[in-house]
Amino acid sequence: MRRAGTQAEWYTAVGSRMSRQGGSAHRPGAVEARVRELIFQVLPPSTQPIGDADLLTEHGMDSVTATQLSCMLAESFDLLLSPAIALEYPTLQSLSNRIVQLVTAEGRRQAG
């Protein structure tokens, strides 16, 4: 079964744009979009949309996909992350917010 095409394709397009934009890719909205894209890449295909407050485990997240997601997030944002970050921040909203915090803090450290 194929993912909801328009939503998954939109997140893929946003991620591709982010990688070409460089510095603007670390704006909160762009970070959130990239986190969503990566979540859609690791979760099993579904016809159900993932709401911001939905538990990712209800959409198929398990320890294996959480570890995969952690590696993808770490690579995408050049961060050191716990393999369990997706389980520690179990919703799309909480995980996105945490990555935004980490990216913003890292940017401040590098600028300072």
C-alpha atoms as a PDB file:
ATOM      1  CA  MET A   1       0.000   0.000   0.000  1.00  0.00           C
ATOM      2  CA  ARG A   2       1.334   3.441  -0.915  1.00  0.00           C
ATOM      3  CA  ARG A   3       1.570   6.416   1.465  1.00  0.00           C
ATOM      4  CA  ALA A   4      -0.846   9.288   1.110  1.00  0.00           C
ATOM      5  CA  GLY A   5       0.882  10.656  -1.982  1.00  0.00           C
ATOM      6  CA  THR A   6       0.391  14.363  -1.639  1.00  0.00           C
ATOM      7  CA  GLN A   7       1.538  14.612   1.993  1.00  0.00           C
ATOM      8  CA  ALA A   8       4.606  12.382   1.602  1.00  0.00           C
ATOM      9  CA  GLU A   9       5.562  13.984  -1.702  1.00  0.00           C
ATOM     10  CA  TRP A  10       5.223  17.464  -0.209  1.00  0.00           C
ATOM     11  CA  TYR A  11       7.589  16.604   2.655  1.00  0.00           C
ATOM     12  CA  THR A  12      10.085  15.099   0.221  1.00  0.00           C
ATOM     13  CA  ALA A  13       9.993  18.250  -1.898  1.00  0.00           C
ATOM     14  CA  VAL A  14      10.505  20.442   1.181  1.00  0.00           C
ATOM     15  CA  GLY A  15      13.489  18.343   2.259  1.00  0.00           C
ATOM     16  CA  SER A  16      15.046  18.628  -1.182  1.00  0.00           C
ATOM     17  CA  ARG A  17      14.597  22.402  -1.133  1.00  0.00           C
ATOM     18  CA  MET A  18      16.132  22.589   2.336  1.00  0.00           C
ATOM     19  CA  SER A  19      19.292  20.812   1.269  1.00  0.00           C
ATOM     20  CA  ARG A  20      19.749  23.387  -1.515  1.00  0.00           C
ATOM     21  CA  GLN A  21      19.017  26.395   0.729  1.00  0.00           C
ATOM     22  CA  GLY A  22      21.921  25.983   3.128  1.00  0.00           C
ATOM     23  CA  GLY A  23      21.614  28.377   6.113  1.00  0.00           C
ATOM     24  CA  SER A  24      17.888  28.995   5.795  1.00  0.00           C
ATOM     25  CA  ALA A  25      17.346  25.272   6.313  1.00  0.00           C
ATOM     26  CA  HIS A  26      17.751  25.796  10.063  1.00  0.00           C
ATOM     27  CA  ARG A  27      14.718  28.047  10.438  1.00  0.00           C
ATOM     28  CA  PRO A  28      12.182  26.392  12.771  1.00  0.00           C
ATOM     29  CA  GLY A  29       9.633  25.833   9.993  1.00  0.00           C
ATOM     30  CA  ALA A  30      12.214  24.234   7.726  1.00  0.00           C
ATOM     31  CA  VAL A  31      13.522  22.034  10.548  1.00  0.00           C
ATOM     32  CA  GLU A  32       9.991  20.874  11.350  1.00  0.00           C
ATOM     33  CA  ALA A  33       9.348  20.073   7.692  1.00  0.00           C
ATOM     34  CA  ARG A  34      12.556  18.041   7.464  1.00  0.00           C
ATOM     35  CA  VAL A  35      11.702  16.110  10.647  1.00  0.00           C
ATOM     36  CA  ARG A  36       8.291  15.290   9.155  1.00  0.00           C
ATOM     37  CA  GLU A  37       9.898  14.135   5.923  1.00  0.00           C
ATOM     38  CA  LEU A  38      12.268  11.809   7.758  1.00  0.00           C
ATOM     39  CA  ILE A  39       9.440  10.399   9.866  1.00  0.00           C
ATOM     40  CA  PHE A  40       7.498   9.569   6.704  1.00  0.00           C
ATOM     41  CA  GLN A  41      10.578   7.811   5.320  1.00  0.00           C
ATOM     42  CA  VAL A  42      10.973   5.433   8.277  1.00  0.00           C
ATOM     43  CA  LEU A  43       7.369   4.688   9.217  1.00  0.00           C
ATOM     44  CA  PRO A  44       5.435   1.989   7.406  1.00  0.00           C
ATOM     45  CA  PRO A  45       3.132   3.235   4.633  1.00  0.00           C
ATOM     46  CA  SER A  46      -0.241   4.415   5.880  1.00  0.00           C
ATOM     47  CA  THR A  47      -3.345   6.028   4.524  1.00  0.00           C
ATOM     48  CA  GLN A  48      -3.890   7.756   7.886  1.00  0.00           C
ATOM     49  CA  PRO A  49      -2.383  11.223   8.291  1.00  0.00           C
ATOM     50  CA  ILE A  50      -0.081  11.702  11.263  1.00  0.00           C
ATOM     51  CA  GLY A  51      -1.300  14.472  13.530  1.00  0.00           C
ATOM     52  CA  ASP A  52       1.113  16.652  15.468  1.00  0.00           C
ATOM     53  CA  ALA A  53       0.005  15.143  18.794  1.00  0.00           C
ATOM     54  CA  ASP A  54      -0.314  11.520  17.606  1.00  0.00           C
ATOM     55  CA  LEU A  55       2.017   9.022  19.212  1.00  0.00           C
ATOM     56  CA  LEU A  56       4.417   7.823  16.552  1.00  0.00           C
ATOM     57  CA  THR A  57       4.187   4.319  18.020  1.00  0.00           C
ATOM     58  CA  GLU A  58       0.511   4.293  16.958  1.00  0.00           C
ATOM     59  CA  HIS A  59       1.718   4.744  13.378  1.00  0.00           C
ATOM     60  CA  GLY A  60       4.297   1.941  13.484  1.00  0.00           C
ATOM     61  CA  MET A  61       7.312   3.451  15.253  1.00  0.00           C
ATOM     62  CA  ASP A  62       9.270   0.797  17.116  1.00  0.00           C
ATOM     63  CA  SER A  63      12.808   0.610  18.494  1.00  0.00           C
ATOM     64  CA  VAL A  64      14.269  -0.221  15.078  1.00  0.00           C
ATOM     65  CA  THR A  65      12.565   2.634  13.227  1.00  0.00           C
ATOM     66  CA  ALA A  66      13.309   4.986  16.157  1.00  0.00           C
ATOM     67  CA  THR A  67      17.012   4.173  15.836  1.00  0.00           C
ATOM     68  CA  GLN A  68      16.872   4.651  12.058  1.00  0.00           C
ATOM     69  CA  LEU A  69      15.141   7.990  12.523  1.00  0.00           C
ATOM     70  CA  SER A  70      17.693   9.094  15.104  1.00  0.00           C
ATOM     71  CA  CYS A  71      20.543   8.354  12.685  1.00  0.00           C
ATOM     72  CA  MET A  72      18.795  10.197   9.861  1.00  0.00           C
ATOM     73  CA  LEU A  73      18.076  13.216  12.073  1.00  0.00           C
ATOM     74  CA  ALA A  74      21.667  13.284  13.344  1.00  0.00           C
ATOM     75  CA  GLU A  75      23.022  13.204   9.805  1.00  0.00           C
ATOM     76  CA  SER A  76      20.524  15.701   8.443  1.00  0.00           C
ATOM     77  CA  PHE A  77      21.148  18.304  11.168  1.00  0.00           C
ATOM     78  CA  ASP A  78      24.759  17.418  12.047  1.00  0.00           C
ATOM     79  CA  LEU A  79      23.864  16.602  15.671  1.00  0.00           C
ATOM     80  CA  LEU A  80      24.835  13.929  18.165  1.00  0.00           C
ATOM     81  CA  LEU A  81      21.568  12.306  19.222  1.00  0.00           C
ATOM     82  CA  SER A  82      20.494   9.472  21.471  1.00  0.00           C
ATOM     83  CA  PRO A  83      19.269   6.489  19.466  1.00  0.00           C
ATOM     84  CA  ALA A  84      16.112   6.677  21.583  1.00  0.00           C
ATOM     85  CA  ILE A  85      15.260  10.349  20.884  1.00  0.00           C
ATOM     86  CA  ALA A  86      12.159   9.388  18.893  1.00  0.00           C
ATOM     87  CA  LEU A  87      10.906   7.363  21.843  1.00  0.00           C
ATOM     88  CA  GLU A  88      11.773  10.084  24.366  1.00  0.00           C
ATOM     89  CA  TYR A  89       9.857  12.657  22.282  1.00  0.00           C
ATOM     90  CA  PRO A  90       7.039  10.389  21.079  1.00  0.00           C
ATOM     91  CA  THR A  91       4.946  12.778  18.961  1.00  0.00           C
ATOM     92  CA  LEU A  92       5.712  14.587  15.756  1.00  0.00           C
ATOM     93  CA  GLN A  93       5.285  17.911  17.579  1.00  0.00           C
ATOM     94  CA  SER A  94       7.521  17.071  20.553  1.00  0.00           C
ATOM     95  CA  LEU A  95      10.258  15.580  18.373  1.00  0.00           C
ATOM     96  CA  SER A  96      10.192  18.523  15.975  1.00  0.00           C
ATOM     97  CA  ASN A  97      10.327  20.988  18.871  1.00  0.00           C
ATOM     98  CA  ARG A  98      13.309  19.175  20.406  1.00  0.00           C
ATOM     99  CA  ILE A  99      15.253  19.141  17.129  1.00  0.00           C
ATOM    100  CA  VAL A 100      14.504  22.863  16.650  1.00  0.00           C
ATOM    101  CA  GLN A 101      15.868  23.507  20.168  1.00  0.00           C
ATOM    102  CA  LEU A 102      19.019  21.501  19.473  1.00  0.00           C
ATOM    103  CA  VAL A 103      19.650  23.070  16.066  1.00  0.00           C
ATOM    104  CA  THR A 104      19.078  26.571  17.452  1.00  0.00           C
ATOM    105  CA  ALA A 105      21.381  25.932  20.431  1.00  0.00           C
ATOM    106  CA  GLU A 106      24.068  24.515  18.117  1.00  0.00           C
ATOM    107  CA  GLY A 107      23.824  27.574  15.866  1.00  0.00           C
ATOM    108  CA  ARG A 108      24.251  29.888  18.840  1.00  0.00           C
ATOM    109  CA  ARG A 109      27.301  27.929  20.030  1.00  0.00           C
ATOM    110  CA  GLN A 110      28.950  28.109  16.606  1.00  0.00           C
ATOM    111  CA  ALA A 111      28.187  31.824  16.224  1.00  0.00           C
ATOM    112  CA  GLY A 112      29.423  32.701  19.730  1.00  0.00           C
END
